[in-house]
Amino acid sequence: MSKKIRVLVAKPGLDGHDRGALIIAQALRDHGMEVIYTGLRQSPAQIAQAAIQEDVDVVGLSSLSGAHMSLFPKVVDLLKEKNAGDIPVVGGGVIPAEDIPILEEKGVKKVFTPGTSTDVVASYIKQLVYGTELTEPPSKIAHIGIAVKSIENSLHFYHNVLGLKLLGMEEVPSEQVKVAFFGIGESSIELLEPLSDDSVIAKYIEKKGEGIHHIAFEVKELAERLKVYQEQQVPLIHETPKEGAHGSQIAFLHPKAANGVLFELCEHKKED
């Protein structure tokens, strides 16, 4: 049985608002974690000392006052000074996007942006503590999918005008489409021609016309990634991988997950 995760939730500095911290604390308890809340207006020294005394697995900092750039790294530094640098520090609150890479460079393990669901926070902490491999970012844009009425009629522009190399064509019965791939750098352009009036691509063209249909990311461990996304309540079209072109495994995220953009995740077989 996995050990129960202990999390210290703290409000450093003079920030007098703790509603968000209390919501996070309760959500983590609902996920089976023990949560120690230090209360308002704690100094970095008090937070670091409490983390060590309580023998916690993770320190979670919340700041709405704008002092995160000095307070968050100070907690990280004090833990290191007290030989407790193995306790990861995560943070959240009202933190400008441009501050996030600086905080992470200074040792804050993860900064959660406003609007992040509590399920995502809990899932990340579980992966962090239990030592399971954290979900890696996609390695590259695998391709951009473009819906067309006819690949044959589209070849001239992509092959002759743009000069892109045609990598291959095939039919994907599971999606009722014919596809053609053109190489461009490490990525490719995928043209999608519907093979029946009932196909998703045919309905897309009927509703929106020809054009960009989706963006595909190359990922590893697709099946495990989808399980993590389900735990994080990410809207999915496919909860398990299905067969795609070139013998790949694919799955689509629901556009609701990404501001109306349709993303495909692709995992290609490793070459022997």
C-alpha atoms as a PDB file:
ATOM      1  CA  MET A   1       0.000   0.000   0.000  1.00  0.00           C
ATOM      2  CA  SER A   2       1.365   3.444  -0.940  1.00  0.00           C
ATOM      3  CA  LYS A   3       2.236   5.725   1.931  1.00  0.00           C
ATOM      4  CA  LYS A   4      -0.051   8.632   2.678  1.00  0.00           C
ATOM      5  CA  ILE A   5       1.313  11.833   1.195  1.00  0.00           C
ATOM      6  CA  ARG A   6       1.918  14.708   3.603  1.00  0.00           C
ATOM      7  CA  VAL A   7       1.671  18.232   2.176  1.00  0.00           C
ATOM      8  CA  LEU A   8       2.417  21.529   3.885  1.00  0.00           C
ATOM      9  CA  VAL A   9       0.261  24.349   2.495  1.00  0.00           C
ATOM     10  CA  ALA A  10       1.578  27.785   3.398  1.00  0.00           C
ATOM     11  CA  LYS A  11       0.910  31.475   2.781  1.00  0.00           C
ATOM     12  CA  PRO A  12       4.255  33.313   2.865  1.00  0.00           C
ATOM     13  CA  GLY A  13       4.588  37.037   3.488  1.00  0.00           C
ATOM     14  CA  LEU A  14       1.865  39.559   4.253  1.00  0.00           C
ATOM     15  CA  ASP A  15      -0.795  38.039   1.997  1.00  0.00           C
ATOM     16  CA  GLY A  16      -4.042  38.154   3.989  1.00  0.00           C
ATOM     17  CA  HIS A  17      -6.256  36.078   1.705  1.00  0.00           C
ATOM     18  CA  ASP A  18      -6.338  32.310   2.110  1.00  0.00           C
ATOM     19  CA  ARG A  19      -9.564  31.149   0.455  1.00  0.00           C
ATOM     20  CA  GLY A  20      -7.667  29.590  -2.461  1.00  0.00           C
ATOM     21  CA  ALA A  21      -5.188  27.879  -0.145  1.00  0.00           C
ATOM     22  CA  LEU A  22      -8.029  26.424   1.913  1.00  0.00           C
ATOM     23  CA  ILE A  23      -9.733  25.100  -1.222  1.00  0.00           C
ATOM     24  CA  ILE A  24      -6.498  23.422  -2.342  1.00  0.00           C
ATOM     25  CA  ALA A  25      -5.942  21.985   1.137  1.00  0.00           C
ATOM     26  CA  GLN A  26      -9.407  20.433   1.220  1.00  0.00           C
ATOM     27  CA  ALA A  27      -9.068  19.102  -2.332  1.00  0.00           C
ATOM     28  CA  LEU A  28      -5.786  17.375  -1.469  1.00  0.00           C
ATOM     29  CA  ARG A  29      -7.425  15.836   1.602  1.00  0.00           C
ATOM     30  CA  ASP A  30     -10.210  14.577  -0.652  1.00  0.00           C
ATOM     31  CA  HIS A  31      -7.480  12.862  -2.674  1.00  0.00           C
ATOM     32  CA  GLY A  32      -6.334  11.026   0.439  1.00  0.00           C
ATOM     33  CA  MET A  33      -3.446  13.264   1.465  1.00  0.00           C
ATOM     34  CA  GLU A  34      -2.609  14.625   4.899  1.00  0.00           C
ATOM     35  CA  VAL A  35      -2.469  18.411   4.750  1.00  0.00           C
ATOM     36  CA  ILE A  36      -0.882  20.731   7.290  1.00  0.00           C
ATOM     37  CA  TYR A  37      -1.963  24.338   6.830  1.00  0.00           C
ATOM     38  CA  THR A  38       0.344  26.877   8.462  1.00  0.00           C
ATOM     39  CA  GLY A  39      -2.080  29.790   8.359  1.00  0.00           C
ATOM     40  CA  LEU A  40      -1.560  33.347   7.154  1.00  0.00           C
ATOM     41  CA  ARG A  41       1.515  35.574   7.159  1.00  0.00           C
ATOM     42  CA  GLN A  42       4.240  32.979   7.576  1.00  0.00           C
ATOM     43  CA  SER A  43       7.883  33.844   7.004  1.00  0.00           C
ATOM     44  CA  PRO A  44      10.005  31.631   4.720  1.00  0.00           C
ATOM     45  CA  ALA A  45      11.974  30.532   7.802  1.00  0.00           C
ATOM     46  CA  GLN A  46       8.798  29.465   9.613  1.00  0.00           C
ATOM     47  CA  ILE A  47       7.594  27.560   6.551  1.00  0.00           C
ATOM     48  CA  ALA A  48      10.896  25.734   6.058  1.00  0.00           C
ATOM     49  CA  GLN A  49      11.056  24.820   9.746  1.00  0.00           C
ATOM     50  CA  ALA A  50       7.461  23.557   9.751  1.00  0.00           C
ATOM     51  CA  ALA A  51       8.121  21.439   6.652  1.00  0.00           C
ATOM     52  CA  ILE A  52      11.019  19.716   8.407  1.00  0.00           C
ATOM     53  CA  GLN A  53       9.246  19.287  11.750  1.00  0.00           C
ATOM     54  CA  GLU A  54       6.130  17.860  10.104  1.00  0.00           C
ATOM     55  CA  ASP A  55       8.229  15.580   7.870  1.00  0.00           C
ATOM     56  CA  VAL A  56       6.209  16.515   4.793  1.00  0.00           C
ATOM     57  CA  ASP A  57       6.680  15.210   1.273  1.00  0.00           C
ATOM     58  CA  VAL A  58       5.804  18.449  -0.531  1.00  0.00           C
ATOM     59  CA  VAL A  59       5.528  22.145   0.301  1.00  0.00           C
ATOM     60  CA  GLY A  60       2.775  24.060  -1.478  1.00  0.00           C
ATOM     61  CA  LEU A  61       3.019  27.861  -1.449  1.00  0.00           C
ATOM     62  CA  SER A  62       0.217  30.266  -2.311  1.00  0.00           C
ATOM     63  CA  SER A  63       0.678  33.963  -2.964  1.00  0.00           C
ATOM     64  CA  LEU A  64      -1.667  36.718  -4.081  1.00  0.00           C
ATOM     65  CA  SER A  65       0.443  39.630  -2.864  1.00  0.00           C
ATOM     66  CA  GLY A  66       2.983  39.826  -5.690  1.00  0.00           C
ATOM     67  CA  ALA A  67       5.909  38.902  -3.439  1.00  0.00           C
ATOM     68  CA  HIS A  68       6.327  35.409  -4.889  1.00  0.00           C
ATOM     69  CA  MET A  69       9.568  36.248  -6.706  1.00  0.00           C
ATOM     70  CA  SER A  70      11.418  36.716  -3.417  1.00  0.00           C
ATOM     71  CA  LEU A  71       9.441  34.496  -1.030  1.00  0.00           C
ATOM     72  CA  PHE A  72       9.158  31.269  -3.047  1.00  0.00           C
ATOM     73  CA  PRO A  73      12.906  30.972  -3.846  1.00  0.00           C
ATOM     74  CA  LYS A  74      13.721  31.880  -0.226  1.00  0.00           C
ATOM     75  CA  VAL A  75      11.778  28.848   1.022  1.00  0.00           C
ATOM     76  CA  VAL A  76      13.656  26.653  -1.478  1.00  0.00           C
ATOM     77  CA  ASP A  77      17.011  28.063  -0.339  1.00  0.00           C
ATOM     78  CA  LEU A  78      16.238  27.630   3.371  1.00  0.00           C
ATOM     79  CA  LEU A  79      15.251  24.001   2.871  1.00  0.00           C
ATOM     80  CA  LYS A  80      18.568  23.398   1.124  1.00  0.00           C
ATOM     81  CA  GLU A  81      20.455  25.133   3.946  1.00  0.00           C
ATOM     82  CA  LYS A  82      18.737  22.837   6.456  1.00  0.00           C
ATOM     83  CA  ASN A  83      19.662  19.713   4.437  1.00  0.00           C
ATOM     84  CA  ALA A  84      16.043  19.288   3.378  1.00  0.00           C
ATOM     85  CA  GLY A  85      16.458  20.213  -0.260  1.00  0.00           C
ATOM     86  CA  ASP A  86      14.836  16.927  -1.240  1.00  0.00           C
ATOM     87  CA  ILE A  87      11.435  18.334  -0.211  1.00  0.00           C
ATOM     88  CA  PRO A  88       9.978  19.725  -3.446  1.00  0.00           C
ATOM     89  CA  VAL A  89       8.302  23.128  -3.426  1.00  0.00           C
ATOM     90  CA  VAL A  90       5.353  23.899  -5.687  1.00  0.00           C
ATOM     91  CA  GLY A  91       3.460  27.150  -5.919  1.00  0.00           C
ATOM     92  CA  GLY A  92       0.380  28.896  -7.185  1.00  0.00           C
ATOM     93  CA  GLY A  93      -1.727  32.015  -6.869  1.00  0.00           C
ATOM     94  CA  VAL A  94      -1.727  35.200  -8.899  1.00  0.00           C
ATOM     95  CA  ILE A  95       1.588  34.759 -10.685  1.00  0.00           C
ATOM     96  CA  PRO A  96       2.303  36.423 -14.048  1.00  0.00           C
ATOM     97  CA  ALA A  97       3.254  34.019 -16.825  1.00  0.00           C
ATOM     98  CA  GLU A  98       6.616  35.725 -17.351  1.00  0.00           C
ATOM     99  CA  ASP A  99       7.604  34.948 -13.738  1.00  0.00           C
ATOM    100  CA  ILE A 100       7.047  31.194 -14.029  1.00  0.00           C
ATOM    101  CA  PRO A 101      10.291  30.213 -15.835  1.00  0.00           C
ATOM    102  CA  ILE A 102      12.317  32.359 -13.423  1.00  0.00           C
ATOM    103  CA  LEU A 103      10.750  30.706 -10.375  1.00  0.00           C
ATOM    104  CA  GLU A 104      11.280  27.227 -11.807  1.00  0.00           C
ATOM    105  CA  GLU A 105      14.887  28.109 -12.626  1.00  0.00           C
ATOM    106  CA  LYS A 106      15.333  29.100  -8.970  1.00  0.00           C
ATOM    107  CA  GLY A 107      14.177  25.707  -7.767  1.00  0.00           C
ATOM    108  CA  VAL A 108      10.395  25.861  -7.519  1.00  0.00           C
ATOM    109  CA  LYS A 109       9.404  22.483  -8.914  1.00  0.00           C
ATOM    110  CA  LYS A 110       6.113  23.547 -10.488  1.00  0.00           C
ATOM    111  CA  VAL A 111       4.026  26.712 -10.690  1.00  0.00           C
ATOM    112  CA  PHE A 112       0.300  26.218 -11.191  1.00  0.00           C
ATOM    113  CA  THR A 113      -1.432  28.981 -13.095  1.00  0.00           C
ATOM    114  CA  PRO A 114      -4.817  30.470 -12.107  1.00  0.00           C
ATOM    115  CA  GLY A 115      -7.649  28.206 -13.180  1.00  0.00           C
ATOM    116  CA  THR A 116      -5.681  24.968 -12.772  1.00  0.00           C
ATOM    117  CA  SER A 117      -8.067  22.289 -11.532  1.00  0.00           C
ATOM    118  CA  THR A 118      -7.428  20.740  -8.141  1.00  0.00           C
ATOM    119  CA  ASP A 119      -7.373  17.328  -9.860  1.00  0.00           C
ATOM    120  CA  VAL A 120      -4.354  18.412 -11.900  1.00  0.00           C
ATOM    121  CA  VAL A 121      -2.554  19.620  -8.764  1.00  0.00           C
ATOM    122  CA  ALA A 122      -3.296  16.392  -6.889  1.00  0.00           C
ATOM    123  CA  SER A 123      -2.247  14.226  -9.835  1.00  0.00           C
ATOM    124  CA  TYR A 124       1.061  16.062 -10.158  1.00  0.00           C
ATOM    125  CA  ILE A 125       1.835  15.723  -6.444  1.00  0.00           C
ATOM    126  CA  LYS A 126       1.073  11.987  -6.513  1.00  0.00           C
ATOM    127  CA  GLN A 127       3.437  11.452  -9.438  1.00  0.00           C
ATOM    128  CA  LEU A 128       6.077  13.586  -7.751  1.00  0.00           C
ATOM    129  CA  VAL A 129       5.970  11.752  -4.422  1.00  0.00           C
ATOM    130  CA  TYR A 130       5.419   8.196  -5.589  1.00  0.00           C
ATOM    131  CA  GLY A 131       8.332   8.465  -7.975  1.00  0.00           C
ATOM    132  CA  THR A 132       6.362   7.566 -11.068  1.00  0.00           C
ATOM    133  CA  GLU A 133       7.622   9.154 -14.265  1.00  0.00           C
ATOM    134  CA  LEU A 134       6.044  12.559 -14.701  1.00  0.00           C
ATOM    135  CA  THR A 135       4.257  13.057 -17.994  1.00  0.00           C
ATOM    136  CA  GLU A 136       6.831  14.373 -20.445  1.00  0.00           C
ATOM    137  CA  PRO A 137       5.854  17.231 -22.753  1.00  0.00           C
ATOM    138  CA  PRO A 138       5.281  16.280 -26.392  1.00  0.00           C
ATOM    139  CA  SER A 139       8.616  15.964 -28.185  1.00  0.00           C
ATOM    140  CA  LYS A 140       7.591  17.782 -31.367  1.00  0.00           C
ATOM    141  CA  ILE A 141       4.749  18.694 -33.702  1.00  0.00           C
ATOM    142  CA  ALA A 142       4.298  15.434 -35.592  1.00  0.00           C
ATOM    143  CA  HIS A 143       2.112  16.949 -38.284  1.00  0.00           C
ATOM    144  CA  ILE A 144      -0.565  19.489 -39.109  1.00  0.00           C
ATOM    145  CA  GLY A 145      -3.722  17.897 -40.457  1.00  0.00           C
ATOM    146  CA  ILE A 146      -5.506  19.687 -43.305  1.00  0.00           C
ATOM    147  CA  ALA A 147      -8.943  18.592 -44.488  1.00  0.00           C
ATOM    148  CA  VAL A 148      -9.316  18.556 -48.291  1.00  0.00           C
ATOM    149  CA  LYS A 149     -12.010  17.376 -50.658  1.00  0.00           C
ATOM    150  CA  SER A 150      -9.468  15.737 -52.964  1.00  0.00           C
ATOM    151  CA  ILE A 151      -5.829  14.881 -52.347  1.00  0.00           C
ATOM    152  CA  GLU A 152      -5.316  14.489 -56.093  1.00  0.00           C
ATOM    153  CA  ASN A 153      -6.426  18.071 -56.701  1.00  0.00           C
ATOM    154  CA  SER A 154      -4.255  19.339 -53.831  1.00  0.00           C
ATOM    155  CA  LEU A 155      -0.990  17.684 -54.882  1.00  0.00           C
ATOM    156  CA  HIS A 156       0.019  20.457 -57.272  1.00  0.00           C
ATOM    157  CA  PHE A 157       0.232  23.144 -54.579  1.00  0.00           C
ATOM    158  CA  TYR A 158       2.049  21.136 -51.898  1.00  0.00           C
ATOM    159  CA  HIS A 159       4.330  19.151 -54.215  1.00  0.00           C
ATOM    160  CA  ASN A 160       4.983  21.471 -57.153  1.00  0.00           C
ATOM    161  CA  VAL A 161       4.446  24.974 -55.770  1.00  0.00           C
ATOM    162  CA  LEU A 162       5.845  24.510 -52.246  1.00  0.00           C
ATOM    163  CA  GLY A 163       8.240  21.786 -53.344  1.00  0.00           C
ATOM    164  CA  LEU A 164       7.470  19.506 -50.392  1.00  0.00           C
ATOM    165  CA  LYS A 165       8.420  15.855 -50.753  1.00  0.00           C
ATOM    166  CA  LEU A 166       5.504  13.434 -50.849  1.00  0.00           C
ATOM    167  CA  LEU A 167       6.334  10.865 -48.169  1.00  0.00           C
ATOM    168  CA  GLY A 168       3.455   8.519 -48.835  1.00  0.00           C
ATOM    169  CA  MET A 169      -0.271   7.948 -49.117  1.00  0.00           C
ATOM    170  CA  GLU A 170      -2.544   5.422 -47.434  1.00  0.00           C
ATOM    171  CA  GLU A 171      -6.079   4.791 -46.286  1.00  0.00           C
ATOM    172  CA  VAL A 172      -7.003   4.705 -42.601  1.00  0.00           C
ATOM    173  CA  PRO A 173     -10.177   2.591 -42.385  1.00  0.00           C
ATOM    174  CA  SER A 174     -10.811   3.396 -38.717  1.00  0.00           C
ATOM    175  CA  GLU A 175     -11.163   7.088 -39.602  1.00  0.00           C
ATOM    176  CA  GLN A 176     -12.684   6.596 -43.077  1.00  0.00           C
ATOM    177  CA  VAL A 177     -10.031   8.825 -44.628  1.00  0.00           C
ATOM    178  CA  LYS A 178      -7.270   8.745 -47.183  1.00  0.00           C
ATOM    179  CA  VAL A 179      -4.124  10.577 -46.077  1.00  0.00           C
ATOM    180  CA  ALA A 180      -1.049  11.971 -47.784  1.00  0.00           C
ATOM    181  CA  PHE A 181       2.050  13.136 -45.917  1.00  0.00           C
ATOM    182  CA  PHE A 182       4.491  15.812 -47.089  1.00  0.00           C
ATOM    183  CA  GLY A 183       7.776  16.253 -45.243  1.00  0.00           C
ATOM    184  CA  ILE A 184       8.735  19.647 -43.835  1.00  0.00           C
ATOM    185  CA  GLY A 185      11.716  19.701 -41.467  1.00  0.00           C
ATOM    186  CA  GLU A 186      11.154  17.254 -38.602  1.00  0.00           C
ATOM    187  CA  SER A 187       7.410  17.496 -39.085  1.00  0.00           C
ATOM    188  CA  SER A 188       4.952  16.957 -41.904  1.00  0.00           C
ATOM    189  CA  ILE A 189       1.750  18.161 -43.496  1.00  0.00           C
ATOM    190  CA  GLU A 190      -1.057  15.600 -43.517  1.00  0.00           C
ATOM    191  CA  LEU A 191      -3.824  15.979 -46.087  1.00  0.00           C
ATOM    192  CA  LEU A 192      -7.051  14.223 -45.126  1.00  0.00           C
ATOM    193  CA  GLU A 193      -9.581  13.251 -47.784  1.00  0.00           C
ATOM    194  CA  PRO A 194     -12.894  11.716 -46.657  1.00  0.00           C
ATOM    195  CA  LEU A 195     -13.704   8.253 -47.994  1.00  0.00           C
ATOM    196  CA  SER A 196     -17.389   8.447 -47.097  1.00  0.00           C
ATOM    197  CA  ASP A 197     -20.024  11.050 -46.372  1.00  0.00           C
ATOM    198  CA  ASP A 198     -20.233   9.707 -42.816  1.00  0.00           C
ATOM    199  CA  SER A 199     -16.587  10.331 -41.982  1.00  0.00           C
ATOM    200  CA  VAL A 200     -15.572  12.991 -39.482  1.00  0.00           C
ATOM    201  CA  ILE A 201     -13.577  14.803 -42.168  1.00  0.00           C
ATOM    202  CA  ALA A 202     -16.541  14.900 -44.570  1.00  0.00           C
ATOM    203  CA  LYS A 203     -18.716  16.429 -41.861  1.00  0.00           C
ATOM    204  CA  TYR A 204     -15.962  18.903 -40.979  1.00  0.00           C
ATOM    205  CA  ILE A 205     -15.642  20.071 -44.601  1.00  0.00           C
ATOM    206  CA  GLU A 206     -19.410  20.331 -44.938  1.00  0.00           C
ATOM    207  CA  LYS A 207     -19.603  22.523 -41.839  1.00  0.00           C
ATOM    208  CA  LYS A 208     -16.409  24.586 -42.029  1.00  0.00           C
ATOM    209  CA  GLY A 209     -14.940  24.014 -45.476  1.00  0.00           C
ATOM    210  CA  GLU A 210     -11.434  22.849 -46.326  1.00  0.00           C
ATOM    211  CA  GLY A 211      -8.618  23.933 -44.039  1.00  0.00           C
ATOM    212  CA  ILE A 212      -6.618  23.124 -40.918  1.00  0.00           C
ATOM    213  CA  HIS A 213      -8.346  20.336 -39.006  1.00  0.00           C
ATOM    214  CA  HIS A 214      -5.920  19.470 -36.195  1.00  0.00           C
ATOM    215  CA  ILE A 215      -2.380  19.687 -34.842  1.00  0.00           C
ATOM    216  CA  ALA A 216      -0.649  16.443 -33.881  1.00  0.00           C
ATOM    217  CA  PHE A 217       1.981  16.061 -31.163  1.00  0.00           C
ATOM    218  CA  GLU A 218       4.500  13.232 -30.942  1.00  0.00           C
ATOM    219  CA  VAL A 219       4.421  11.658 -27.463  1.00  0.00           C
ATOM    220  CA  LYS A 220       5.714   8.653 -25.546  1.00  0.00           C
ATOM    221  CA  GLU A 221       3.666   6.173 -23.501  1.00  0.00           C
ATOM    222  CA  LEU A 222       0.363   7.297 -24.995  1.00  0.00           C
ATOM    223  CA  ALA A 223      -1.805   4.845 -23.050  1.00  0.00           C
ATOM    224  CA  GLU A 224      -0.337   5.927 -19.704  1.00  0.00           C
ATOM    225  CA  ARG A 225      -0.589   9.582 -20.681  1.00  0.00           C
ATOM    226  CA  LEU A 226      -4.311   9.186 -21.378  1.00  0.00           C
ATOM    227  CA  LYS A 227      -4.811   7.628 -17.932  1.00  0.00           C
ATOM    228  CA  VAL A 228      -3.124  10.654 -16.349  1.00  0.00           C
ATOM    229  CA  TYR A 229      -5.286  13.024 -18.388  1.00  0.00           C
ATOM    230  CA  GLN A 230      -8.421  11.172 -17.285  1.00  0.00           C
ATOM    231  CA  GLU A 231      -7.362  11.519 -13.655  1.00  0.00           C
ATOM    232  CA  GLN A 232      -6.838  15.235 -14.286  1.00  0.00           C
ATOM    233  CA  GLN A 233     -10.349  15.498 -15.791  1.00  0.00           C
ATOM    234  CA  VAL A 234      -8.982  16.592 -19.184  1.00  0.00           C
ATOM    235  CA  PRO A 235     -11.770  16.292 -21.803  1.00  0.00           C
ATOM    236  CA  LEU A 236     -10.886  13.504 -24.243  1.00  0.00           C
ATOM    237  CA  ILE A 237     -12.380  12.201 -27.465  1.00  0.00           C
ATOM    238  CA  HIS A 238     -10.483   8.913 -27.089  1.00  0.00           C
ATOM    239  CA  GLU A 239      -9.767   7.464 -23.644  1.00  0.00           C
ATOM    240  CA  THR A 240      -7.613   4.683 -25.105  1.00  0.00           C
ATOM    241  CA  PRO A 241      -5.271   4.692 -28.126  1.00  0.00           C
ATOM    242  CA  LYS A 242      -6.515   3.637 -31.548  1.00  0.00           C
ATOM    243  CA  GLU A 243      -4.692   2.742 -34.753  1.00  0.00           C
ATOM    244  CA  GLY A 244      -3.560   5.596 -36.986  1.00  0.00           C
ATOM    245  CA  ALA A 245      -1.469   6.045 -40.120  1.00  0.00           C
ATOM    246  CA  HIS A 246       1.956   4.383 -40.468  1.00  0.00           C
ATOM    247  CA  GLY A 247       1.075   1.872 -37.745  1.00  0.00           C
ATOM    248  CA  SER A 248       0.984   4.605 -35.120  1.00  0.00           C
ATOM    249  CA  GLN A 249      -1.189   4.774 -32.019  1.00  0.00           C
ATOM    250  CA  ILE A 250      -3.290   7.932 -31.791  1.00  0.00           C
ATOM    251  CA  ALA A 251      -5.843   9.673 -29.604  1.00  0.00           C
ATOM    252  CA  PHE A 252      -7.605  13.023 -29.838  1.00  0.00           C
ATOM    253  CA  LEU A 253      -8.146  15.503 -27.034  1.00  0.00           C
ATOM    254  CA  HIS A 254     -11.500  17.258 -27.026  1.00  0.00           C
ATOM    255  CA  PRO A 255     -11.325  20.850 -28.338  1.00  0.00           C
ATOM    256  CA  LYS A 256     -12.844  21.979 -25.021  1.00  0.00           C
ATOM    257  CA  ALA A 257      -9.499  21.113 -23.422  1.00  0.00           C
ATOM    258  CA  ALA A 258      -7.535  23.630 -25.490  1.00  0.00           C
ATOM    259  CA  ASN A 259      -9.503  26.752 -26.377  1.00  0.00           C
ATOM    260  CA  GLY A 260     -11.275  25.141 -29.310  1.00  0.00           C
ATOM    261  CA  VAL A 261      -8.151  23.620 -30.904  1.00  0.00           C
ATOM    262  CA  LEU A 262      -8.273  19.928 -31.832  1.00  0.00           C
ATOM    263  CA  PHE A 263      -5.057  18.186 -30.770  1.00  0.00           C
ATOM    264  CA  GLU A 264      -4.037  14.679 -31.747  1.00  0.00           C
ATOM    265  CA  LEU A 265      -1.463  12.676 -29.790  1.00  0.00           C
ATOM    266  CA  CYS A 266       0.660  10.241 -31.803  1.00  0.00           C
ATOM    267  CA  GLU A 267       2.989   7.490 -30.681  1.00  0.00           C
ATOM    268  CA  HIS A 268       4.996   5.838 -33.437  1.00  0.00           C
ATOM    269  CA  LYS A 269       6.586   2.434 -33.090  1.00  0.00           C
ATOM    270  CA  LYS A 270      10.245   2.462 -32.182  1.00  0.00           C
ATOM    271  CA  GLU A 271      12.431   1.365 -35.054  1.00  0.00           C
ATOM    272  CA  ASP A 272      14.515  -1.732 -34.369  1.00  0.00           C
END
